[in-house]
Amino acid sequence: MFFISLGVSMATGRLGVGETLEALNAALKPRGPRPHRATGHPGRSVWFKESGARNLQSRDFLAPRGALKALFRDGQVPKDVLDAVTALEGPGVLPVQKCIQTQAGLVLRLERPAVFQQVLNAVPRYIKPPALPSAGGKVIILDCVPLHSQKKVGALSLNHLRVILVADHLAEVLRTQGMEVRLVPALHDDRIRWFLQQLKVNWPAASAEGSLSSEARAAAKQVLRRGVAALVEQRKLEARGLPTGVLCKIHLKKFLEQQPHLEGYDANLDTCLVREEHLETLVELQEATRPKQSIHPMGPIPKDDCTLIYVVSCEEEFQQQKIDLIWRLLNISAPFKQKYLVCGPVKVAGSSAPPDAFQYHQVRQAQVHEASVQKRGRTHLQDEVWKENICVLTAATIKFEMLSTSHRSQITLNLGATSASSKGNRSGTFVMYNCARLATLFENYKRAVERGLYPALPSTSEIDFSLLHEEGEWLLLFNDIIPFSEVLSQLAKLPVSSPGIRIPISTEAICKFLVQLSMDFSSYYNRIHILREPQPHLFGQMFARLQLMQAVRDVFHRALSALHLPPLSQI
């Protein structure tokens, strides 16, 4: 299976969980005939990373006893293998302190102060995976199907809104990895564009730079119309006695039977009425496949450099497959890989008539506003900064509701006020609240420095990270900071050559990561006083903790930017 893989390079100088697991598994593989070894599964991972606070008290990685029995007689690991694991080194490999065999299996603990030192000395490497040279020149076209047919903002359903948010989030992640992403279609309706901007979705407008002129669009449409006419002539398709605006009726089932390589299309596809609006959609797609500044406006991007992904709701996938096949039939899109990212339905608990997307936004905005009034008072919220805060909190609430679930699964919304509260530990407002707590922490520290209570934060090379020995401190580094770039990289892997037309992508990964990060940070912050008494003998530990919190803040900001959510300084 071929992937567009934009993972982390071994040469980045970044310590990684993936690189460490790979090295640990390699250390247990046979390097020659050993009569005491049993037959195992060399392709299967023996080690796994610990993540729970309880287990992390004593170990960071574990090779379970049962897995060891598949490799060694009686599961007893030879001393030379134990020594090899303890001495592991290499690009990206976390430094090992000790590895011992216990009843549970091989227990490995890392050299934690050294890991703190190396990671916190190079935080930028952990918050943004480097773009690979192979990403250069690659183009991903994301076709947000609901936006083709919408004329008014009131026509956007909850299903449509989910598709739009998924497409917008995926586009940002792919851009971060160095891909060129083109969004289709450009928006013609200013009201829809304004509504999406309230949700921090900056979708391109129809007048954006690079769009075809009206004359060029008309010419392109005429080319397609002639193609349909030729198709009718060649295939003797039905072109008479059809409704106004219908160019012809195409028998798609016959076409699919002639294309055995096309797998995964709905078995119920039979005929399709080709309408004028279908040609407009095809013009949008054709325009997106043009190289920038091309002397041939209708010339396509080289086939190996372009992938088209239709982002569509489950209720509209069937109709979109018809348009897809029209394009294939006209032999316009044949060179390009085409995949479907299908989003499951959005339901509202206890409602037979769910609100549209705009009404849903109004409900959540009113709830966020009311929660802010109860906390800060109505007069305070007239400030422009707080109006923007409410806008961001509303967008965060909606995005986490829509994006925290796998795109293939159904979402059931509860429109009660508690869903927009920061008290729930899985909500967008909970994440924004904890991010704001970090802003408050550093603002308080800055003011204390200005008053002469604390010295300025020294460089990381002067900080003693062995003073970080609280469970929550290692958990934040090991579970949240180190793996973050790997989360981004996994999300950017597109199995474009996988069988069938549907493509699975973990679009929920960033929201789930942010929720877990918020829970880990909140648990730690509620127990530990970081800004302690201004006594010199306490400064060393305070500096180490502030450096860690600075890295946590950077991860928060970078993860939120993948959702187009700006961090807030107060809530």
Protein backbone atom coordinates (compact mmCIF):
# COMPACT_ATOMS: atom_id res chain seq x y z
CA MET A 1 0.00 0.00 0.00
CA PHE A 2 1.37 3.43 -0.94
CA PHE A 3 1.11 6.30 1.52
CA ILE A 4 1.68 9.99 1.14
CA SER A 5 3.70 9.85 4.35
CA LEU A 6 4.88 13.05 5.94
CA GLY A 7 6.34 11.61 9.11
CA VAL A 8 9.30 12.69 11.18
CA SER A 9 12.77 12.14 9.80
CA MET A 10 15.37 10.30 11.82
CA ALA A 11 17.79 13.14 11.09
CA THR A 12 15.86 15.91 12.87
CA GLY A 13 17.71 15.63 16.18
CA ARG A 14 14.39 15.03 17.90
CA LEU A 15 13.91 12.26 20.44
CA GLY A 16 10.90 10.14 19.55
CA VAL A 17 8.76 7.37 20.95
CA GLY A 18 8.49 5.72 17.53
CA GLU A 19 12.25 5.69 16.99
CA THR A 20 12.80 4.31 20.49
CA LEU A 21 10.27 1.50 20.04
CA GLU A 22 11.86 0.57 16.72
CA ALA A 23 15.31 0.37 18.33
CA LEU A 24 13.99 -1.62 21.31
CA ASN A 25 12.30 -4.17 19.07
CA ALA A 26 15.42 -4.50 16.93
CA ALA A 27 17.48 -5.20 20.06
CA LEU A 28 15.36 -8.28 20.80
CA LYS A 29 15.54 -9.74 17.30
CA PRO A 30 17.83 -12.71 16.67
CA ARG A 31 21.29 -11.75 15.41
CA GLY A 32 22.40 -15.31 14.83
CA PRO A 33 21.48 -18.90 15.73
CA ARG A 34 20.53 -19.16 19.38
CA PRO A 35 19.29 -22.56 20.51
CA HIS A 36 17.51 -21.04 23.48
CA ARG A 37 15.32 -18.79 21.31
CA ALA A 38 11.84 -19.82 20.35
CA THR A 39 10.09 -18.98 17.09
CA GLY A 40 8.48 -15.56 17.40
CA HIS A 41 6.85 -12.95 15.22
CA PRO A 42 9.65 -10.58 14.16
CA GLY A 43 7.25 -8.15 12.56
CA ARG A 44 5.19 -7.70 15.72
CA SER A 45 6.10 -5.09 18.31
CA VAL A 46 7.24 -6.62 21.59
CA TRP A 47 7.56 -3.37 23.52
CA PHE A 48 4.92 -0.79 24.31
CA LYS A 49 5.04 2.65 25.84
CA GLU A 50 3.48 3.20 29.24
CA SER A 51 1.07 6.11 29.56
CA GLY A 52 -0.75 5.69 32.88
CA ALA A 53 0.50 7.69 35.86
CA ARG A 54 0.62 4.62 38.09
CA ASN A 55 2.89 2.55 35.82
CA LEU A 56 5.04 5.55 34.96
CA GLN A 57 6.13 5.67 38.59
CA SER A 58 8.40 2.69 37.95
CA ARG A 59 8.81 2.25 34.19
CA ASP A 60 8.52 3.94 30.80
CA PHE A 61 8.48 0.95 28.42
CA LEU A 62 7.52 -2.68 28.98
CA ALA A 63 8.11 -5.88 27.01
CA PRO A 64 5.47 -8.18 28.59
CA ARG A 65 6.47 -11.62 29.80
CA GLY A 66 4.07 -13.32 27.40
CA ALA A 67 5.69 -11.63 24.40
CA LEU A 68 9.16 -12.58 25.62
CA LYS A 69 8.18 -16.26 25.77
CA ALA A 70 7.61 -16.13 22.01
CA LEU A 71 11.24 -15.06 21.55
CA PHE A 72 13.18 -16.78 24.31
CA ARG A 73 12.97 -20.14 25.99
CA ASP A 74 10.92 -19.78 29.18
CA GLY A 75 10.85 -16.04 28.47
CA GLN A 76 14.29 -15.60 30.02
CA VAL A 77 16.22 -12.84 28.24
CA PRO A 78 20.00 -13.45 27.94
CA LYS A 79 22.32 -11.02 29.70
CA ASP A 80 23.94 -9.85 26.46
CA VAL A 81 20.51 -8.85 25.12
CA LEU A 82 19.73 -6.97 28.36
CA ASP A 83 23.06 -5.19 28.08
CA ALA A 84 22.34 -4.30 24.44
CA VAL A 85 18.95 -2.78 25.39
CA THR A 86 20.48 -0.77 28.24
CA ALA A 87 23.22 0.56 25.94
CA LEU A 88 20.82 1.59 23.15
CA GLU A 89 21.76 4.74 21.28
CA GLY A 90 20.94 6.22 17.93
CA PRO A 91 19.09 9.01 16.14
CA GLY A 92 15.86 9.77 17.96
CA VAL A 93 16.36 7.09 20.63
CA LEU A 94 15.52 8.18 24.16
CA PRO A 95 18.43 7.65 26.62
CA VAL A 96 18.02 4.53 28.76
CA GLN A 97 18.79 4.47 32.49
CA LYS A 98 18.20 0.79 33.21
CA CYS A 99 16.46 -2.33 31.94
CA ILE A 100 15.68 -5.23 34.24
CA GLN A 101 13.66 -8.42 33.97
CA THR A 102 10.75 -8.79 36.38
CA GLN A 103 7.67 -10.98 36.72
CA ALA A 104 5.87 -8.52 34.44
CA GLY A 105 8.55 -8.74 31.74
CA LEU A 106 11.35 -6.43 30.66
CA VAL A 107 10.97 -3.13 32.49
CA LEU A 108 12.80 -0.13 31.05
CA ARG A 109 13.25 3.25 32.66
CA LEU A 110 14.64 6.27 30.84
CA GLU A 111 17.29 8.72 32.00
CA ARG A 112 14.62 11.28 32.82
CA PRO A 113 16.73 14.36 33.71
CA ALA A 114 18.62 13.91 30.43
CA VAL A 115 15.34 13.61 28.51
CA PHE A 116 14.00 16.77 30.16
CA GLN A 117 17.23 18.58 29.27
CA GLN A 118 17.31 17.50 25.61
CA VAL A 119 13.61 18.05 24.92
CA LEU A 120 13.21 21.38 26.69
CA ASN A 121 16.37 22.65 25.01
CA ALA A 122 14.80 22.08 21.60
CA VAL A 123 11.03 22.52 21.98
CA PRO A 124 10.46 23.83 18.39
CA ARG A 125 11.49 20.41 17.06
CA TYR A 126 8.65 18.81 19.00
CA ILE A 127 5.83 21.12 18.03
CA LYS A 128 6.23 21.14 14.26
CA PRO A 129 7.45 18.17 12.25
CA PRO A 130 9.83 19.27 9.49
CA ALA A 131 8.45 19.22 5.98
CA LEU A 132 10.09 16.47 3.94
CA PRO A 133 11.66 17.24 0.54
CA SER A 134 9.29 14.66 -0.98
CA ALA A 135 6.37 16.95 -0.12
CA GLY A 136 7.59 19.58 -2.56
CA GLY A 137 5.37 19.89 -5.63
CA LYS A 138 2.66 17.63 -4.21
CA VAL A 139 -0.88 18.99 -4.41
CA ILE A 140 -3.87 17.83 -2.40
CA ILE A 141 -7.24 19.07 -3.65
CA LEU A 142 -9.91 18.98 -0.95
CA ASP A 143 -13.35 19.20 -2.49
CA CYS A 144 -15.83 20.17 0.24
CA VAL A 145 -18.91 18.80 -1.47
CA PRO A 146 -21.67 20.60 0.53
CA LEU A 147 -20.38 24.02 -0.50
CA HIS A 148 -21.04 23.37 -4.19
CA SER A 149 -24.80 23.50 -3.92
CA GLN A 150 -25.43 25.88 -1.02
CA LYS A 151 -26.94 29.21 -1.97
CA LYS A 152 -27.89 30.59 1.47
CA VAL A 153 -26.45 30.13 4.93
CA GLY A 154 -29.77 28.71 6.18
CA ALA A 155 -29.33 25.76 3.80
CA LEU A 156 -26.26 24.51 5.68
CA SER A 157 -27.23 21.52 7.80
CA LEU A 158 -25.35 20.08 10.78
CA ASN A 159 -24.06 17.34 8.48
CA HIS A 160 -22.72 20.00 6.11
CA LEU A 161 -21.07 21.88 8.96
CA ARG A 162 -19.23 18.75 10.09
CA VAL A 163 -17.88 18.18 6.57
CA ILE A 164 -16.68 21.79 6.32
CA LEU A 165 -14.88 21.67 9.67
CA VAL A 166 -13.21 18.36 8.82
CA ALA A 167 -12.01 19.72 5.46
CA ASP A 168 -10.70 22.94 7.01
CA HIS A 169 -8.82 21.09 9.77
CA LEU A 170 -7.30 18.52 7.42
CA ALA A 171 -6.16 21.29 5.06
CA GLU A 172 -4.25 23.03 7.87
CA VAL A 173 -2.54 19.84 9.02
CA LEU A 174 -1.43 18.99 5.47
CA ARG A 175 -0.10 22.50 4.91
CA THR A 176 1.92 22.19 8.10
CA GLN A 177 3.60 19.14 6.59
CA GLY A 178 4.69 21.07 3.50
CA MET A 179 1.90 20.09 1.12
CA GLU A 180 0.16 22.49 -1.23
CA VAL A 181 -3.55 22.28 -0.44
CA ARG A 182 -6.26 23.67 -2.71
CA LEU A 183 -9.79 24.09 -1.40
CA VAL A 184 -12.79 23.64 -3.68
CA PRO A 185 -15.19 25.29 -4.30
CA ALA A 186 -14.55 29.00 -3.88
CA LEU A 187 -17.43 30.69 -2.04
CA HIS A 188 -19.80 32.98 -3.92
CA ASP A 189 -22.09 33.82 -1.00
CA ASP A 190 -20.73 36.48 1.38
CA ARG A 191 -23.14 35.45 4.14
CA ILE A 192 -21.82 31.88 4.17
CA ARG A 193 -18.25 33.15 4.17
CA TRP A 194 -19.05 35.48 7.08
CA PHE A 195 -20.65 32.61 9.00
CA LEU A 196 -17.62 30.38 8.47
CA GLN A 197 -15.34 33.19 9.63
CA GLN A 198 -17.25 33.20 12.94
CA LEU A 199 -16.07 29.62 13.27
CA LYS A 200 -12.49 30.64 12.36
CA VAL A 201 -12.76 28.95 8.96
CA ASN A 202 -11.18 31.10 6.26
CA TRP A 203 -12.53 29.48 3.12
CA PRO A 204 -11.42 31.05 -0.20
CA ALA A 205 -13.83 33.44 -1.87
CA ALA A 206 -14.78 33.22 -5.52
CA SER A 207 -12.73 36.32 -6.31
CA ALA A 208 -9.56 34.90 -4.75
CA GLU A 209 -6.34 35.23 -6.70
CA GLY A 210 -5.82 32.42 -9.16
CA SER A 211 -9.49 31.85 -10.05
CA LEU A 212 -10.51 31.81 -13.67
CA SER A 213 -12.02 34.92 -15.22
CA SER A 214 -15.68 34.77 -16.18
CA GLU A 215 -14.67 34.45 -19.84
CA ALA A 216 -12.29 31.58 -19.10
CA ARG A 217 -14.93 29.85 -16.99
CA ALA A 218 -17.45 30.17 -19.78
CA ALA A 219 -14.94 28.73 -22.24
CA ALA A 220 -14.12 25.84 -19.92
CA LYS A 221 -17.81 25.13 -19.45
CA GLN A 222 -18.31 25.11 -23.21
CA VAL A 223 -15.52 22.56 -23.57
CA LEU A 224 -17.29 20.34 -21.08
CA ARG A 225 -20.62 20.84 -22.82
CA ARG A 226 -19.08 19.75 -26.14
CA GLY A 227 -17.56 16.76 -24.34
CA VAL A 228 -21.01 15.73 -23.13
CA ALA A 229 -22.42 16.19 -26.64
CA ALA A 230 -19.65 14.02 -28.08
CA LEU A 231 -20.33 11.47 -25.38
CA VAL A 232 -23.98 11.33 -26.36
CA GLU A 233 -23.04 10.88 -30.01
CA GLN A 234 -20.49 8.15 -29.32
CA ARG A 235 -22.46 6.18 -26.81
CA LYS A 236 -25.96 6.86 -28.12
CA LEU A 237 -27.07 8.06 -24.72
CA GLU A 238 -30.44 9.65 -24.15
CA ALA A 239 -30.46 13.34 -25.03
CA ARG A 240 -34.03 14.02 -26.10
CA GLY A 241 -37.23 14.49 -24.18
CA LEU A 242 -35.40 15.44 -21.01
CA PRO A 243 -36.27 18.24 -18.55
CA THR A 244 -34.98 21.76 -19.11
CA GLY A 245 -31.39 22.18 -17.98
CA VAL A 246 -30.62 18.46 -18.40
CA LEU A 247 -28.02 17.76 -21.09
CA CYS A 248 -28.34 14.00 -21.20
CA LYS A 249 -28.90 10.82 -19.23
CA ILE A 250 -25.82 8.66 -18.70
CA HIS A 251 -25.93 4.96 -17.86
CA LEU A 252 -23.27 4.81 -15.18
CA LYS A 253 -23.62 1.09 -14.48
CA LYS A 254 -22.47 0.25 -18.00
CA PHE A 255 -19.50 2.55 -17.62
CA LEU A 256 -18.51 0.98 -14.30
CA GLU A 257 -18.75 -2.51 -15.79
CA GLN A 258 -16.22 -1.40 -18.41
CA GLN A 259 -13.83 -0.09 -15.71
CA PRO A 260 -12.95 -3.08 -13.49
CA HIS A 261 -10.17 -1.11 -11.75
CA LEU A 262 -12.73 1.22 -10.19
CA GLU A 263 -13.53 -0.42 -6.84
CA GLY A 264 -15.79 0.71 -4.04
CA TYR A 265 -18.52 2.57 -5.91
CA ASP A 266 -22.11 2.05 -4.83
CA ALA A 267 -23.67 -1.01 -6.44
CA ASN A 268 -26.95 0.89 -6.88
CA LEU A 269 -25.46 3.45 -9.28
CA ASP A 270 -27.47 3.20 -12.51
CA THR A 271 -28.25 6.39 -14.41
CA CYS A 272 -27.47 10.07 -13.96
CA LEU A 273 -29.06 13.17 -15.41
CA VAL A 274 -26.24 15.52 -16.40
CA ARG A 275 -27.28 19.07 -15.54
CA GLU A 276 -25.78 22.50 -16.09
CA GLU A 277 -24.81 22.79 -12.40
CA HIS A 278 -22.79 19.58 -12.75
CA LEU A 279 -20.66 21.32 -15.37
CA GLU A 280 -20.07 24.21 -12.97
CA THR A 281 -18.80 21.74 -10.37
CA LEU A 282 -16.51 20.13 -12.93
CA VAL A 283 -15.11 23.54 -13.90
CA GLU A 284 -14.24 24.18 -10.25
CA LEU A 285 -12.44 20.85 -10.02
CA GLN A 286 -10.68 21.32 -13.34
CA GLU A 287 -9.50 24.77 -12.29
CA ALA A 288 -8.03 23.32 -9.09
CA THR A 289 -5.89 20.91 -11.12
CA ARG A 290 -4.16 23.70 -13.08
CA PRO A 291 -0.54 24.48 -12.28
CA LYS A 292 -0.08 27.99 -10.93
CA GLN A 293 0.98 30.57 -13.53
CA SER A 294 0.57 28.02 -16.29
CA ILE A 295 0.64 29.24 -19.87
CA HIS A 296 -2.00 26.61 -20.56
CA PRO A 297 -4.90 27.54 -18.24
CA MET A 298 -6.62 24.17 -18.64
CA GLY A 299 -3.41 22.11 -18.48
CA PRO A 300 -3.42 19.69 -15.52
CA ILE A 301 -0.83 19.12 -12.79
CA PRO A 302 1.30 16.00 -13.46
CA LYS A 303 -0.76 12.96 -12.43
CA ASP A 304 1.69 11.66 -9.84
CA ASP A 305 1.74 14.99 -8.00
CA CYS A 306 -1.99 15.46 -7.45
CA THR A 307 -4.58 13.73 -5.26
CA LEU A 308 -8.23 14.74 -5.13
CA ILE A 309 -10.14 14.01 -1.92
CA TYR A 310 -13.91 14.51 -1.84
CA VAL A 311 -14.95 15.44 1.71
CA VAL A 312 -18.61 14.56 1.85
CA SER A 313 -21.41 13.59 4.22
CA CYS A 314 -22.74 10.04 4.10
CA GLU A 315 -26.09 11.31 2.82
CA GLU A 316 -24.50 13.02 -0.20
CA GLU A 317 -21.84 10.45 -1.10
CA PHE A 318 -24.11 8.61 -3.55
CA GLN A 319 -24.83 11.75 -5.58
CA GLN A 320 -21.16 12.78 -5.49
CA GLN A 321 -20.14 9.43 -6.94
CA LYS A 322 -22.32 10.24 -9.95
CA ILE A 323 -20.51 13.54 -10.53
CA ASP A 324 -17.17 11.81 -10.02
CA LEU A 325 -18.04 9.26 -12.72
CA ILE A 326 -19.21 11.96 -15.12
CA TRP A 327 -15.75 13.52 -14.79
CA ARG A 328 -14.08 10.16 -15.35
CA LEU A 329 -16.34 9.47 -18.31
CA LEU A 330 -15.33 12.74 -19.91
CA ASN A 331 -11.71 11.61 -19.42
CA ILE A 332 -10.75 14.78 -17.58
CA SER A 333 -9.81 13.38 -14.19
CA ALA A 334 -8.43 10.00 -15.27
CA PRO A 335 -4.78 10.76 -14.37
CA PHE A 336 -5.54 11.77 -10.78
CA LYS A 337 -6.04 9.64 -7.69
CA GLN A 338 -9.51 10.28 -6.29
CA LYS A 339 -10.62 9.34 -2.78
CA TYR A 340 -13.61 9.95 -0.50
CA LEU A 341 -13.45 11.13 3.10
CA VAL A 342 -16.99 10.34 4.24
CA CYS A 343 -18.39 11.91 7.40
CA GLY A 344 -21.07 10.20 9.47
CA PRO A 345 -24.38 11.87 10.38
CA VAL A 346 -24.95 14.47 13.09
CA LYS A 347 -28.01 13.92 15.27
CA VAL A 348 -29.50 16.02 18.06
CA ALA A 349 -30.64 14.20 21.19
CA GLY A 350 -34.38 14.44 21.76
CA SER A 351 -35.09 16.43 18.60
CA SER A 352 -37.05 15.36 15.56
CA ALA A 353 -36.39 18.71 13.84
CA PRO A 354 -32.73 19.58 14.42
CA PRO A 355 -31.52 23.16 13.92
CA ASP A 356 -29.54 24.14 10.86
CA ALA A 357 -25.85 25.03 11.21
CA PHE A 358 -26.48 28.74 11.75
CA GLN A 359 -29.13 28.11 14.44
CA TYR A 360 -26.83 25.64 16.17
CA HIS A 361 -24.10 28.29 16.26
CA GLN A 362 -26.54 30.81 17.76
CA VAL A 363 -27.51 28.33 20.50
CA ARG A 364 -23.92 27.67 21.47
CA GLN A 365 -22.98 31.35 21.31
CA ALA A 366 -25.86 32.28 23.62
CA GLN A 367 -24.77 29.58 26.10
CA VAL A 368 -21.15 30.73 26.07
CA HIS A 369 -22.26 34.34 26.53
CA GLU A 370 -24.52 33.46 29.45
CA ALA A 371 -21.74 31.46 31.14
CA SER A 372 -19.44 34.48 30.81
CA VAL A 373 -22.10 36.81 32.22
CA GLN A 374 -22.48 34.60 35.29
CA LYS A 375 -18.72 34.62 35.79
CA ARG A 376 -17.80 38.24 35.02
CA GLY A 377 -20.96 40.29 34.82
CA ARG A 378 -22.83 41.73 31.87
CA THR A 379 -21.13 45.15 31.79
CA HIS A 380 -17.66 43.66 31.53
CA LEU A 381 -18.63 41.73 28.40
CA GLN A 382 -19.25 44.89 26.37
CA ASP A 383 -15.48 45.13 25.89
CA GLU A 384 -14.40 44.26 22.33
CA VAL A 385 -11.77 41.83 23.61
CA TRP A 386 -14.42 39.84 25.45
CA LYS A 387 -16.71 39.85 22.45
CA GLU A 388 -13.90 38.22 20.48
CA ASN A 389 -13.28 35.80 23.36
CA ILE A 390 -16.90 34.68 23.22
CA CYS A 391 -16.59 34.25 19.45
CA VAL A 392 -13.48 32.05 19.90
CA LEU A 393 -15.04 30.04 22.75
CA THR A 394 -18.13 29.39 20.63
CA ALA A 395 -15.99 28.22 17.73
CA ALA A 396 -13.96 26.00 20.09
CA THR A 397 -17.11 24.46 21.57
CA ILE A 398 -18.49 23.61 18.12
CA LYS A 399 -15.21 22.35 16.69
CA PHE A 400 -14.57 19.99 19.57
CA GLU A 401 -18.11 18.66 19.33
CA MET A 402 -17.75 18.07 15.59
CA LEU A 403 -14.13 16.92 15.42
CA SER A 404 -13.52 14.85 18.57
CA THR A 405 -15.25 11.82 17.06
CA SER A 406 -13.91 9.73 14.17
CA HIS A 407 -15.24 11.19 10.93
CA ARG A 408 -16.89 7.86 10.07
CA SER A 409 -18.97 7.70 13.27
CA GLN A 410 -22.28 9.33 14.11
CA ILE A 411 -22.30 12.36 16.40
CA THR A 412 -25.18 12.95 18.81
CA LEU A 413 -25.31 16.53 20.09
CA ASN A 414 -26.79 17.59 23.41
CA LEU A 415 -27.86 21.19 23.06
CA GLY A 416 -28.06 21.72 26.81
CA ALA A 417 -26.07 24.56 28.33
CA THR A 418 -23.61 22.22 30.08
CA SER A 419 -22.12 21.28 26.72
CA ALA A 420 -20.73 24.80 26.38
CA SER A 421 -19.33 24.94 29.92
CA SER A 422 -15.65 24.74 30.85
CA LYS A 423 -16.60 22.40 33.72
CA GLY A 424 -16.82 19.39 31.43
CA ASN A 425 -13.33 17.97 30.94
CA ARG A 426 -13.92 17.00 27.32
CA SER A 427 -15.19 20.30 25.97
CA GLY A 428 -13.53 22.91 23.80
CA THR A 429 -14.01 25.51 26.51
CA PHE A 430 -12.18 23.25 28.97
CA VAL A 431 -9.20 23.18 26.62
CA MET A 432 -9.30 26.96 26.08
CA TYR A 433 -9.62 27.52 29.83
CA ASN A 434 -6.47 25.55 30.59
CA CYS A 435 -4.57 27.30 27.83
CA ALA A 436 -5.62 30.62 29.38
CA ARG A 437 -4.41 29.44 32.81
CA LEU A 438 -0.93 29.11 31.34
CA ALA A 439 -1.15 32.67 29.97
CA THR A 440 -2.12 33.88 33.44
CA LEU A 441 0.78 31.96 35.02
CA PHE A 442 3.37 33.63 32.80
CA GLU A 443 1.75 37.04 33.15
CA ASN A 444 1.95 36.72 36.95
CA TYR A 445 5.57 35.62 36.70
CA LYS A 446 6.40 38.56 34.42
CA ARG A 447 4.88 41.04 36.87
CA ALA A 448 6.74 39.45 39.78
CA VAL A 449 10.03 39.78 37.86
CA GLU A 450 9.27 43.44 37.16
CA ARG A 451 8.69 43.95 40.90
CA GLY A 452 12.01 42.29 41.70
CA LEU A 453 10.50 39.27 43.47
CA TYR A 454 11.94 36.71 41.06
CA PRO A 455 14.95 36.72 38.72
CA ALA A 456 14.37 36.32 34.98
CA LEU A 457 14.10 32.79 33.64
CA PRO A 458 17.62 31.50 32.86
CA SER A 459 18.56 29.54 29.74
CA THR A 460 17.75 25.83 29.75
CA SER A 461 21.47 24.95 29.93
CA GLU A 462 21.55 26.56 33.40
CA ILE A 463 18.48 24.75 34.74
CA ASP A 464 18.71 21.59 36.86
CA PHE A 465 15.97 19.34 35.51
CA SER A 466 16.70 16.63 38.09
CA LEU A 467 14.52 18.81 40.34
CA LEU A 468 11.49 17.71 38.29
CA HIS A 469 10.41 14.54 40.05
CA GLU A 470 6.62 14.94 40.36
CA GLU A 471 4.60 12.30 38.50
CA GLY A 472 2.67 14.94 36.59
CA GLU A 473 5.83 16.59 35.26
CA TRP A 474 7.14 13.46 33.57
CA LEU A 475 3.66 12.59 32.36
CA LEU A 476 3.35 15.96 30.59
CA LEU A 477 6.72 15.53 28.90
CA PHE A 478 6.46 11.84 28.02
CA ASN A 479 2.77 11.64 27.09
CA ASP A 480 2.15 15.07 25.63
CA ILE A 481 5.20 17.05 24.53
CA ILE A 482 7.40 14.31 23.02
CA PRO A 483 4.61 12.51 21.05
CA PHE A 484 2.93 15.66 19.69
CA SER A 485 4.80 15.90 16.41
CA GLU A 486 4.13 12.19 15.85
CA VAL A 487 0.41 12.85 16.27
CA LEU A 488 0.61 15.49 13.52
CA SER A 489 2.63 13.18 11.29
CA GLN A 490 0.17 10.29 11.64
CA LEU A 491 -2.72 12.56 10.76
CA ALA A 492 -0.93 13.61 7.58
CA LYS A 493 -0.53 10.06 6.25
CA LEU A 494 -2.89 9.59 3.35
CA PRO A 495 -3.27 6.00 2.03
CA VAL A 496 -4.07 7.23 -1.47
CA SER A 497 -3.38 3.88 -3.15
CA SER A 498 -5.39 1.77 -0.73
CA PRO A 499 -8.16 -0.42 -2.22
CA GLY A 500 -11.56 1.15 -2.75
CA ILE A 501 -12.48 4.81 -2.88
CA ARG A 502 -12.86 5.64 0.81
CA ILE A 503 -9.88 6.93 2.75
CA PRO A 504 -9.69 6.71 6.57
CA ILE A 505 -7.91 9.60 8.30
CA SER A 506 -7.68 10.24 12.05
CA THR A 507 -9.19 13.71 11.87
CA GLU A 508 -10.17 13.40 15.56
CA ALA A 509 -6.55 13.03 16.73
CA ILE A 510 -5.78 16.69 17.52
CA CYS A 511 -8.95 17.27 19.54
CA LYS A 512 -8.39 14.09 21.53
CA PHE A 513 -4.77 15.08 22.09
CA LEU A 514 -5.74 18.55 23.34
CA VAL A 515 -8.34 17.13 25.71
CA GLN A 516 -5.82 14.69 27.19
CA LEU A 517 -3.18 17.43 27.43
CA SER A 518 -5.69 19.65 29.24
CA MET A 519 -6.57 16.89 31.68
CA ASP A 520 -2.90 16.13 32.40
CA PHE A 521 -2.06 19.81 32.82
CA SER A 522 -5.12 20.59 34.94
CA SER A 523 -4.40 17.68 37.30
CA TYR A 524 -0.81 18.82 37.72
CA TYR A 525 -1.58 22.55 38.00
CA ASN A 526 -4.26 21.98 40.63
CA ARG A 527 -1.75 20.13 42.86
CA ILE A 528 1.50 22.02 42.33
CA HIS A 529 2.29 25.62 43.18
CA ILE A 530 4.72 26.73 40.49
CA LEU A 531 5.26 30.32 41.62
CA ARG A 532 6.44 29.70 45.16
CA GLU A 533 7.75 31.94 47.91
CA PRO A 534 10.45 34.31 46.55
CA GLN A 535 13.24 32.44 48.33
CA PRO A 536 16.52 31.77 46.45
CA HIS A 537 16.66 28.12 47.49
CA LEU A 538 13.28 27.54 45.77
CA PHE A 539 14.17 29.25 42.48
CA GLY A 540 15.89 26.20 40.93
CA GLN A 541 12.78 24.03 41.00
CA MET A 542 10.57 26.95 40.01
CA PHE A 543 12.73 27.62 36.93
CA ALA A 544 12.60 23.96 35.89
CA ARG A 545 8.82 23.94 36.24
CA LEU A 546 8.42 27.22 34.34
CA GLN A 547 10.51 25.85 31.49
CA LEU A 548 8.28 22.78 31.36
CA MET A 549 5.14 24.95 31.45
CA GLN A 550 6.54 27.06 28.63
CA ALA A 551 6.85 23.92 26.49
CA VAL A 552 3.31 22.87 27.43
CA ARG A 553 2.07 26.32 26.41
CA ASP A 554 3.85 26.04 23.04
CA VAL A 555 2.25 22.66 22.39
CA PHE A 556 -1.17 24.08 23.29
CA HIS A 557 -0.73 26.97 20.86
CA ARG A 558 0.53 24.80 18.03
CA ALA A 559 -2.24 22.22 18.43
CA LEU A 560 -4.91 24.93 18.56
CA SER A 561 -3.51 26.51 15.41
CA ALA A 562 -4.18 23.21 13.59
CA LEU A 563 -7.84 23.89 14.43
CA HIS A 564 -7.57 27.59 13.49
CA LEU A 565 -8.30 28.52 17.11
CA PRO A 566 -6.30 31.41 18.61
CA PRO A 567 -5.19 30.94 22.25
CA LEU A 568 -6.91 33.13 24.83
CA SER A 569 -5.19 34.94 27.67
CA GLN A 570 -8.24 34.90 29.94
CA ILE A 571 -11.67 33.31 30.16
